[in-house]
Amino acid sequence: MKRQQNRSVLIFGGAGFIGSNLAEHLLERTEANVHVYDNLSRAGVHRNLEWLRKLAGNSGRLRVTVGDVRDAKLVEKAVAQANEIYHFAAQVAVTTSIVEPVMDFDVNLRGTFSILDAARRCGHNPFILFTSTNKVYGNVGLGSPAAGKSRYDYPEHGGVSESQPLDFHSPYGCSKGAADQYVRDFGRIYGLPTVVFRMSCVAGPRQFGTEDQGWVAHFLYSALRKKPVVIFGDGRQVRDVLCVHDLVRAFEAARRNLNTVAAQVYNIGGGSNNATSLLELIDRIQVLIGHRLEYTLEPQRPGDQLVYLTDYSKFYQHTGWRPEIDLARTLELLRCFWEENQSAWNERALPVVDENRAWAQPSGRAA
């Protein structure tokens, strides 16, 4: 990739799974200055931050702010120095949104509005890319699928496009859906170059998967540790999986084609070629590691789609991007990450972050 100077990139949620992969790409393959903004509340992300510091070394190109997107003044300070903003900070679990809908609203919608308002007022119209979710489409309204032995299927369904009506079926869907509409409308009304990615399942290195979020990683790590998992439903639910490295390529494709993609919404995912049911993934894992993942069944959770496949043809037409890494390779990358970081799963206690304390520090300088 051609190296470009004068890129000042702010990544909200920059120590997380997706954010740290984007930060790695920028530090290793561009000359961009990278500002990671994260509250470090998710288990394991402090390891991602340590890794990014090592990558940056004494270059001075990495800046870190520990803070929350709900802190409007701190957000405004960070936005003032950026010409590119990637907004990944979020409450990410449907289950959590049902238990704590106020918190879900506050983080996903109010936090997003704080970023947009700061960008509107900063005076230099930064590029903003926001990651939304396929949950904004609810159950997709396709009716009852055909039930095969290992997966559900809609034989005539080629994937969900952006023309699919919005249909929020959970507080999480509501908060992310409302946020992505704000992002799109700020682009149209205030002239900000904004892009929304409505994403399906993403997996890959630097992901600390849990039962509520990051299920592909959670299944594989559980199998490697010989720990059983819980499947909510009968396991025939189908999702398409996108490798995080392909997602980073999509971010760069959007930035390169800004005149075309500005104020647009795109469905981004692995597509039908990278689709799997839960039961099929378990079989893949068995082949990969040599023993089966044990599981128990529980009732299906509210808001869960039986089948979701991404139609990414609009983004392909606008940028030429398409996934290049298949599911088998994505699982291999996850296994390698686990093997290199096994101690992360042996930690009994992770650092607790005081959300009332924020600090900013360029890499290569003493704390």
Protein backbone atom coordinates (compact mmCIF):
# COMPACT_ATOMS: atom_id res chain seq x y z
CA MET A 1 0.00 0.00 0.00
CA LYS A 2 1.22 3.51 -0.81
CA ARG A 3 2.28 5.25 2.37
CA GLN A 4 0.45 8.47 3.12
CA GLN A 5 1.46 11.21 5.49
CA ASN A 6 -0.59 13.65 7.56
CA ARG A 7 -3.18 11.07 8.56
CA SER A 8 -4.33 11.68 12.11
CA VAL A 9 -6.51 8.69 12.99
CA LEU A 10 -8.71 8.46 16.09
CA ILE A 11 -10.08 5.02 16.98
CA PHE A 12 -12.82 4.88 19.60
CA GLY A 13 -12.64 1.39 21.07
CA GLY A 14 -9.11 1.23 19.72
CA ALA A 15 -7.86 -1.36 22.22
CA GLY A 16 -10.66 -3.76 21.35
CA PHE A 17 -10.65 -6.59 18.84
CA ILE A 18 -11.44 -4.62 15.69
CA GLY A 19 -9.80 -1.40 16.83
CA SER A 20 -6.47 -2.99 17.67
CA ASN A 21 -6.34 -4.75 14.29
CA LEU A 22 -6.95 -1.45 12.51
CA ALA A 23 -4.34 0.26 14.69
CA GLU A 24 -1.83 -2.48 13.86
CA HIS A 25 -2.44 -2.00 10.15
CA LEU A 26 -1.99 1.76 10.40
CA LEU A 27 1.19 1.53 12.49
CA GLU A 28 2.82 -1.11 10.31
CA ARG A 29 1.68 -0.16 6.80
CA THR A 30 1.13 3.60 6.83
CA GLU A 31 2.71 6.71 8.30
CA ALA A 32 -0.49 7.66 10.13
CA ASN A 33 -0.49 8.96 13.68
CA VAL A 34 -2.86 6.76 15.68
CA HIS A 35 -4.90 7.85 18.71
CA VAL A 36 -6.45 4.95 20.63
CA TYR A 37 -9.40 5.95 22.83
CA ASP A 38 -10.76 3.15 25.02
CA ASN A 39 -12.11 2.68 28.56
CA LEU A 40 -10.39 -0.74 28.78
CA SER A 41 -13.51 -2.24 30.33
CA ARG A 42 -13.57 -5.41 28.23
CA ALA A 43 -11.56 -8.35 29.54
CA GLY A 44 -8.28 -8.88 27.71
CA VAL A 45 -8.07 -5.57 25.88
CA HIS A 46 -5.25 -4.31 28.10
CA ARG A 47 -3.16 -6.99 26.37
CA ASN A 48 -4.05 -5.52 22.99
CA LEU A 49 -2.96 -2.11 24.22
CA GLU A 50 0.38 -3.47 25.47
CA TRP A 51 0.88 -5.12 22.08
CA LEU A 52 0.19 -1.85 20.24
CA ARG A 53 2.67 -0.01 22.44
CA LYS A 54 5.35 -2.52 21.51
CA LEU A 55 4.51 -2.14 17.82
CA ALA A 56 4.76 1.65 18.03
CA GLY A 57 8.00 1.54 20.03
CA ASN A 58 9.61 4.97 20.29
CA SER A 59 8.05 6.28 17.09
CA GLY A 60 5.74 8.71 18.89
CA ARG A 61 2.97 7.71 16.45
CA LEU A 62 0.71 6.07 19.04
CA ARG A 63 -1.28 8.10 21.52
CA VAL A 64 -3.58 6.54 24.12
CA THR A 65 -6.50 8.03 25.98
CA VAL A 66 -8.26 5.95 28.62
CA GLY A 67 -11.77 7.33 28.72
CA ASP A 68 -15.43 6.70 27.99
CA VAL A 69 -17.40 7.85 24.94
CA ARG A 70 -20.01 9.19 27.37
CA ASP A 71 -17.47 11.81 28.52
CA ALA A 72 -18.42 14.53 26.03
CA LYS A 73 -15.60 16.91 26.98
CA LEU A 74 -12.92 14.25 26.62
CA VAL A 75 -14.45 13.12 23.31
CA GLU A 76 -14.42 16.70 22.05
CA LYS A 77 -10.74 17.06 22.95
CA ALA A 78 -9.85 13.87 21.10
CA VAL A 79 -11.90 14.70 17.99
CA ALA A 80 -10.34 18.15 17.66
CA GLN A 81 -7.04 16.61 16.55
CA ALA A 82 -8.31 13.95 14.12
CA ASN A 83 -8.98 13.95 10.40
CA GLU A 84 -10.18 10.33 10.42
CA ILE A 85 -12.45 8.81 13.10
CA TYR A 86 -13.35 5.13 13.45
CA HIS A 87 -16.09 4.55 16.00
CA PHE A 88 -16.08 1.00 17.38
CA ALA A 89 -16.75 1.74 21.07
CA ALA A 90 -20.02 0.10 22.07
CA GLN A 91 -22.08 -2.05 24.35
CA VAL A 92 -22.02 -5.12 22.14
CA ALA A 93 -24.34 -7.80 23.58
CA VAL A 94 -28.06 -8.25 22.97
CA THR A 95 -28.38 -10.01 26.32
CA THR A 96 -26.78 -7.13 28.21
CA SER A 97 -29.04 -4.64 26.44
CA ILE A 98 -32.10 -6.51 27.69
CA VAL A 99 -30.86 -6.55 31.27
CA GLU A 100 -29.44 -2.99 31.23
CA PRO A 101 -31.24 -1.02 28.50
CA VAL A 102 -30.38 2.39 29.97
CA MET A 103 -26.66 1.66 29.89
CA ASP A 104 -27.01 0.25 26.37
CA PHE A 105 -28.77 3.45 25.24
CA ASP A 106 -26.23 5.67 26.97
CA VAL A 107 -23.17 4.03 25.44
CA ASN A 108 -24.41 3.23 21.96
CA LEU A 109 -26.60 6.22 21.19
CA ARG A 110 -25.55 9.04 23.49
CA GLY A 111 -21.88 8.12 23.03
CA THR A 112 -22.25 8.15 19.25
CA PHE A 113 -24.05 11.49 19.35
CA SER A 114 -21.22 12.99 21.42
CA ILE A 115 -18.71 11.96 18.75
CA LEU A 116 -20.85 13.29 15.90
CA ASP A 117 -21.55 16.59 17.62
CA ALA A 118 -17.87 17.09 18.40
CA ALA A 119 -17.03 16.35 14.75
CA ARG A 120 -19.71 18.78 13.57
CA ARG A 121 -18.27 21.58 15.68
CA CYS A 122 -14.53 20.92 15.25
CA GLY A 123 -14.30 22.84 11.98
CA HIS A 124 -12.40 20.41 9.75
CA ASN A 125 -15.00 17.80 8.72
CA PRO A 126 -13.24 14.55 9.67
CA PHE A 127 -14.05 11.29 7.92
CA ILE A 128 -16.17 9.12 10.26
CA LEU A 129 -16.75 5.39 9.90
CA PHE A 130 -19.23 3.81 12.29
CA THR A 131 -19.69 0.08 12.79
CA SER A 132 -23.34 -0.85 13.20
CA THR A 133 -24.84 -4.35 13.23
CA ASN A 134 -27.09 -6.74 11.33
CA LYS A 135 -29.36 -6.67 14.38
CA VAL A 136 -30.94 -3.51 12.97
CA TYR A 137 -32.84 -5.80 10.56
CA GLY A 138 -34.54 -7.85 13.27
CA ASN A 139 -35.63 -11.30 12.13
CA VAL A 140 -35.37 -10.19 8.46
CA GLY A 141 -39.02 -11.15 7.84
CA LEU A 142 -38.32 -14.17 5.66
CA GLY A 143 -40.77 -16.47 7.39
CA SER A 144 -39.92 -19.99 8.53
CA PRO A 145 -36.74 -21.42 7.01
CA ALA A 146 -36.26 -24.96 5.74
CA ALA A 147 -34.75 -27.03 8.55
CA GLY A 148 -31.99 -29.35 7.41
CA LYS A 149 -30.02 -31.76 9.58
CA SER A 150 -27.33 -29.23 10.52
CA ARG A 151 -28.61 -25.81 9.39
CA TYR A 152 -31.58 -23.63 8.58
CA ASP A 153 -31.88 -22.43 5.01
CA TYR A 154 -33.86 -20.12 2.75
CA PRO A 155 -33.18 -21.70 -0.65
CA GLU A 156 -34.03 -18.57 -2.66
CA HIS A 157 -32.33 -16.13 -0.28
CA GLY A 158 -28.99 -14.76 -1.46
CA GLY A 159 -28.33 -12.46 1.47
CA VAL A 160 -29.58 -9.30 3.15
CA SER A 161 -29.02 -6.08 1.21
CA GLU A 162 -29.27 -2.48 2.39
CA SER A 163 -32.81 -2.28 1.00
CA GLN A 164 -33.98 -4.59 3.80
CA PRO A 165 -36.37 -2.64 6.08
CA LEU A 166 -35.09 -1.76 9.53
CA ASP A 167 -36.86 -3.76 12.23
CA PHE A 168 -35.31 -3.43 15.68
CA HIS A 169 -36.00 -6.48 17.87
CA SER A 170 -33.93 -5.67 20.96
CA PRO A 171 -32.68 -2.66 22.91
CA TYR A 172 -29.28 -3.32 21.30
CA GLY A 173 -30.84 -3.21 17.84
CA CYS A 174 -32.62 0.01 18.77
CA SER A 175 -29.53 1.77 20.12
CA LYS A 176 -27.22 0.74 17.28
CA GLY A 177 -29.89 1.37 14.65
CA ALA A 178 -30.70 4.82 15.98
CA ALA A 179 -26.97 5.57 16.16
CA ASP A 180 -26.35 4.53 12.57
CA GLN A 181 -29.22 6.75 11.41
CA TYR A 182 -27.66 9.68 13.26
CA VAL A 183 -24.32 8.96 11.59
CA ARG A 184 -25.92 8.83 8.16
CA ASP A 185 -28.00 11.96 8.70
CA PHE A 186 -25.10 14.02 10.10
CA GLY A 187 -23.36 13.19 6.84
CA ARG A 188 -26.26 14.46 4.79
CA ILE A 189 -27.27 17.48 6.88
CA TYR A 190 -23.89 18.78 8.04
CA GLY A 191 -21.73 17.60 5.16
CA LEU A 192 -19.59 15.29 7.27
CA PRO A 193 -18.05 12.44 5.26
CA THR A 194 -19.64 9.58 7.20
CA VAL A 195 -19.97 5.87 6.40
CA VAL A 196 -21.97 3.18 8.21
CA PHE A 197 -20.98 -0.50 8.12
CA ARG A 198 -23.77 -2.87 9.22
CA MET A 199 -21.70 -5.88 10.07
CA SER A 200 -22.30 -9.58 10.44
CA CYS A 201 -20.01 -11.84 12.51
CA VAL A 202 -16.34 -10.84 12.56
CA ALA A 203 -13.60 -13.13 13.85
CA GLY A 204 -9.82 -13.26 14.00
CA PRO A 205 -6.69 -12.54 16.03
CA ARG A 206 -6.87 -10.30 19.11
CA GLN A 207 -10.45 -11.38 19.79
CA PHE A 208 -11.29 -12.48 23.33
CA GLY A 209 -14.63 -14.10 22.52
CA THR A 210 -17.38 -14.63 25.08
CA GLU A 211 -20.76 -16.32 25.17
CA ASP A 212 -22.47 -13.00 24.43
CA GLN A 213 -20.17 -11.66 21.73
CA GLY A 214 -17.56 -13.19 19.45
CA TRP A 215 -19.11 -16.65 19.30
CA VAL A 216 -16.71 -18.15 16.72
CA ALA A 217 -13.72 -17.35 18.92
CA HIS A 218 -15.61 -18.40 22.05
CA PHE A 219 -16.40 -21.82 20.56
CA LEU A 220 -12.83 -22.44 19.40
CA TYR A 221 -11.16 -21.24 22.61
CA SER A 222 -13.57 -23.31 24.70
CA ALA A 223 -12.75 -26.40 22.65
CA LEU A 224 -9.02 -25.79 23.01
CA ARG A 225 -9.48 -25.51 26.77
CA LYS A 226 -11.79 -28.56 26.78
CA LYS A 227 -14.61 -26.56 28.30
CA PRO A 228 -18.24 -27.02 27.20
CA VAL A 229 -20.34 -24.22 25.74
CA VAL A 230 -24.05 -23.42 25.80
CA ILE A 231 -25.98 -23.19 22.53
CA PHE A 232 -29.13 -21.06 22.67
CA GLY A 233 -31.51 -22.73 20.26
CA ASP A 234 -30.90 -25.98 18.39
CA GLY A 235 -27.57 -25.05 16.77
CA ARG A 236 -28.87 -24.84 13.22
CA GLN A 237 -28.75 -21.03 13.22
CA VAL A 238 -26.62 -19.73 10.32
CA ARG A 239 -24.28 -16.74 10.12
CA ASP A 240 -21.68 -15.55 7.65
CA VAL A 241 -18.24 -14.93 9.13
CA LEU A 242 -15.80 -12.23 8.06
CA CYS A 243 -12.11 -12.32 8.96
CA VAL A 244 -11.00 -9.14 10.71
CA HIS A 245 -8.14 -8.69 8.22
CA ASP A 246 -10.69 -8.45 5.41
CA LEU A 247 -12.65 -5.94 7.49
CA VAL A 248 -9.57 -3.75 7.86
CA ARG A 249 -9.21 -3.88 4.06
CA ALA A 250 -12.83 -2.71 3.85
CA PHE A 251 -12.07 0.27 6.11
CA GLU A 252 -9.24 1.32 3.83
CA ALA A 253 -11.37 0.75 0.72
CA ALA A 254 -14.01 3.10 2.14
CA ARG A 255 -11.44 5.79 2.87
CA ARG A 256 -9.89 5.52 -0.59
CA ASN A 257 -13.31 5.87 -2.23
CA LEU A 258 -14.66 8.59 0.02
CA ASN A 259 -16.31 10.60 -2.74
CA THR A 260 -18.45 7.56 -3.57
CA VAL A 261 -19.17 6.15 -0.10
CA ALA A 262 -19.81 9.36 1.88
CA ALA A 263 -23.20 9.33 3.68
CA GLN A 264 -23.80 5.74 2.56
CA VAL A 265 -24.73 2.60 4.52
CA TYR A 266 -23.20 -0.77 3.64
CA ASN A 267 -23.81 -4.34 4.74
CA ILE A 268 -20.40 -5.90 5.39
CA GLY A 269 -19.80 -9.60 6.03
CA GLY A 270 -18.30 -12.79 4.75
CA GLY A 271 -21.24 -13.59 2.49
CA SER A 272 -22.72 -16.94 1.61
CA ASN A 273 -19.31 -18.48 0.81
CA ASN A 274 -18.31 -18.03 4.46
CA ALA A 275 -21.56 -19.12 6.08
CA THR A 276 -21.79 -21.72 8.82
CA SER A 277 -24.28 -22.97 11.34
CA LEU A 278 -23.29 -23.46 14.97
CA LEU A 279 -23.37 -27.23 14.54
CA GLU A 280 -21.25 -27.04 11.39
CA LEU A 281 -18.70 -24.86 13.16
CA ILE A 282 -18.43 -27.44 15.92
CA ASP A 283 -17.65 -30.07 13.30
CA ARG A 284 -14.99 -27.81 11.75
CA ILE A 285 -13.42 -27.27 15.14
CA GLN A 286 -13.29 -31.01 15.75
CA VAL A 287 -11.36 -31.51 12.50
CA LEU A 288 -9.02 -28.61 13.29
CA ILE A 289 -8.03 -29.56 16.83
CA GLY A 290 -8.73 -33.30 16.95
CA HIS A 291 -11.42 -33.45 19.61
CA ARG A 292 -15.04 -32.40 19.86
CA LEU A 293 -16.45 -29.36 21.56
CA GLU A 294 -19.03 -30.46 24.12
CA TYR A 295 -22.20 -28.39 24.39
CA THR A 296 -25.61 -28.15 26.02
CA LEU A 297 -28.79 -26.66 24.59
CA GLU A 298 -30.83 -23.83 26.08
CA PRO A 299 -33.92 -22.00 24.75
CA GLN A 300 -33.34 -19.51 21.94
CA ARG A 301 -32.60 -15.97 23.10
CA PRO A 302 -34.82 -12.97 22.26
CA GLY A 303 -33.79 -11.12 19.12
CA ASP A 304 -31.73 -13.98 17.67
CA GLN A 305 -31.97 -14.38 13.89
CA LEU A 306 -32.24 -17.96 12.61
CA VAL A 307 -30.38 -17.11 9.41
CA TYR A 308 -28.37 -14.05 8.50
CA LEU A 309 -26.27 -13.84 5.32
CA THR A 310 -24.72 -10.61 4.06
CA ASP A 311 -25.20 -9.28 0.56
CA TYR A 312 -22.14 -7.01 0.25
CA SER A 313 -22.63 -6.36 -3.49
CA LYS A 314 -23.28 -2.62 -3.02
CA PHE A 315 -19.90 -2.09 -1.35
CA TYR A 316 -18.22 -4.28 -3.99
CA GLN A 317 -19.75 -2.17 -6.76
CA HIS A 318 -18.62 1.06 -5.10
CA THR A 319 -15.10 0.02 -4.05
CA GLY A 320 -14.15 -3.35 -5.57
CA TRP A 321 -13.81 -4.91 -2.09
CA ARG A 322 -14.77 -8.49 -1.39
CA PRO A 323 -13.69 -11.02 1.29
CA GLU A 324 -10.48 -12.93 0.54
CA ILE A 325 -9.96 -15.04 3.69
CA ASP A 326 -12.20 -18.08 4.09
CA LEU A 327 -13.60 -19.50 7.31
CA ALA A 328 -11.04 -22.31 7.53
CA ARG A 329 -8.16 -19.80 7.45
CA THR A 330 -9.93 -17.56 9.97
CA LEU A 331 -10.14 -20.47 12.42
CA GLU A 332 -6.44 -21.20 11.91
CA LEU A 333 -5.59 -17.57 12.67
CA LEU A 334 -7.70 -17.72 15.84
CA ARG A 335 -5.99 -20.91 16.96
CA CYS A 336 -2.54 -19.37 16.43
CA PHE A 337 -3.56 -16.32 18.47
CA TRP A 338 -4.79 -18.55 21.30
CA GLU A 339 -1.60 -20.63 21.28
CA GLU A 340 0.51 -17.48 21.54
CA ASN A 341 -1.61 -15.95 24.31
CA GLN A 342 -2.81 -18.85 26.46
CA SER A 343 -1.90 -17.05 29.66
CA ALA A 344 -4.70 -14.55 28.98
CA TRP A 345 -7.25 -17.25 29.73
CA ASN A 346 -5.49 -18.20 32.95
CA GLU A 347 -5.68 -14.73 34.46
CA ARG A 348 -8.07 -14.69 37.40
CA ALA A 349 -8.23 -10.93 37.65
CA LEU A 350 -7.83 -8.28 35.00
CA PRO A 351 -6.96 -4.64 35.68
CA VAL A 352 -9.88 -2.53 36.86
CA VAL A 353 -10.14 0.84 35.17
CA ASP A 354 -11.29 3.90 37.07
CA GLU A 355 -13.68 5.49 34.56
CA ASN A 356 -13.38 8.84 36.37
CA ARG A 357 -9.67 9.00 35.54
CA ALA A 358 -8.42 9.68 32.04
CA TRP A 359 -4.92 10.09 30.73
CA ALA A 360 -3.28 10.65 27.38
CA GLN A 361 0.26 9.59 26.59
CA PRO A 362 2.18 9.29 23.32
CA SER A 363 4.18 6.07 22.99
CA GLY A 364 7.84 6.18 23.87
CA ARG A 365 7.40 8.56 26.83
CA ALA A 366 7.33 7.80 30.51
CA ALA A 367 3.96 7.55 32.21
